[in-house]
Amino acid sequence: MAARLGSCNILQCLINGLPNKIWRYSIDDLCKVLHEKCLGVLVSAGADLGMVNSSGHCAISIANCVQWTKVFQKAISDVIRAGKVVKSSNASRFSALLFVTRANDIEGLNKLIESKNIDLDEQNANGFSAAMIAAVGGNVEAFKLLLFAEADVTNLKNKDMIIAHKKLLKEGYDVNAFDGQGHTPLMLAARGCHGEMCELLISYGAKCDIQNERHETALLLARENGAGNDAERVILDEVARRLVLCGGRVKKHTKCGKGSPHGKLLEMVGAAGMLRWGKSSKRNVICKEAEVGPSAKFRWNRRRKFDVDEPGMFHVVTTKNKQVHFVCEGGVQMAELWVRVIRLVTREAIFGRRADKV
């Protein structure tokens, strides 16, 4: 009665003087309190906003029905900003963290993070965490707060998470910024083996070669979870692409090993999917095969030489079945990158950008 009539002083006296069990109320009673200050008093005293009534409605849904949302939100926000705990027995129905994030209440969010008594990764009924809600809403400041408080931003349980990250990136968030632990978003995605997220971040300018103070890179963190995972594949493709597409000096063998080798500038033309080492059509080829090391024919032709297994050697087979052998600087690892990119770019030129997933 005191709450419905707006008698805050009487309500506070009753709450202070009576045991909790005596002043318990139903969720319907709570939402009939159309006085902002009285609602704040009840919530501060421990009103459970996670409860539901006999019809399965919680406080927020009822407030929406009676068109009292703004007053309800302000009352709850004031309680949170005051440093009080807002009780909820069910985070999927009401969560103070998700509430302030959705409202883009930076002051309230700061208060909750400072309290350190919250789960930064709790999710609503749809599987969205506070970080994802901030991203979907384009609330960059809220997202930054959650990121630097070490909220998990790599959880891809819900497919809409990718859409959320896209929206955030379009808002101008620095994709190469370090968090409090010295990790970039790409490093976090790599450590979690989230290949699709790595691909998205790279498409928005994430750099694979960034090192933190512990000399960690995204590729190194991806490999900590075992070789061959999706994140490693995406990052390695990008590293190889950047190293190879700009071209490099190589030694080219002639006549499949019968002639004398000579230096060339070798490059991969991305859009056309061509391997180029000169201007003539014979020096602009499309490869149907690429392998590290020499071919059997090359071994036979140079059987009297001592450079058959020279480190950094790789060969291609063109669409006209011509074998061409090259030796790059950097040994076997660099040769592997050349082969990787030749295969990748050729596939993409023929089948499209995402040919590696076909």
Foldseek 3Di string as FASTA:
>chain_A
DCQLVVVQVVLLVCLVVDDPVVPDDAQVVLLSRLHLNSNLSCQLSAHAQQDADPVRAGNQVVCVVVVNNVSNLVSLLVNLLVLGDGHYPDVQRPDQCLSCLLVVVLSSNVSVLVVVPDQQQDAHPQRDGSLLSNLQVLVQVSNLVSVQSPHQLQDPPDVCSLVSNVSNLVSPPDQADAHNVFDGPLLSNLLVLPLVVNLVSVVSPHDQCDAGPVRDGSLNSNCVVPPDGNSNVNSLLVVLCVVAQVWDKKWKAPPLQQDDIDIFTWHADQQQLWIAGDDDPVRTFQFPAKFAFGDPSSCVNQVVPDCRGPFQKMWTQTPVRDIIIIRGPDGPVNSVSNRSNSVQSSQCNVPNNVSVVD
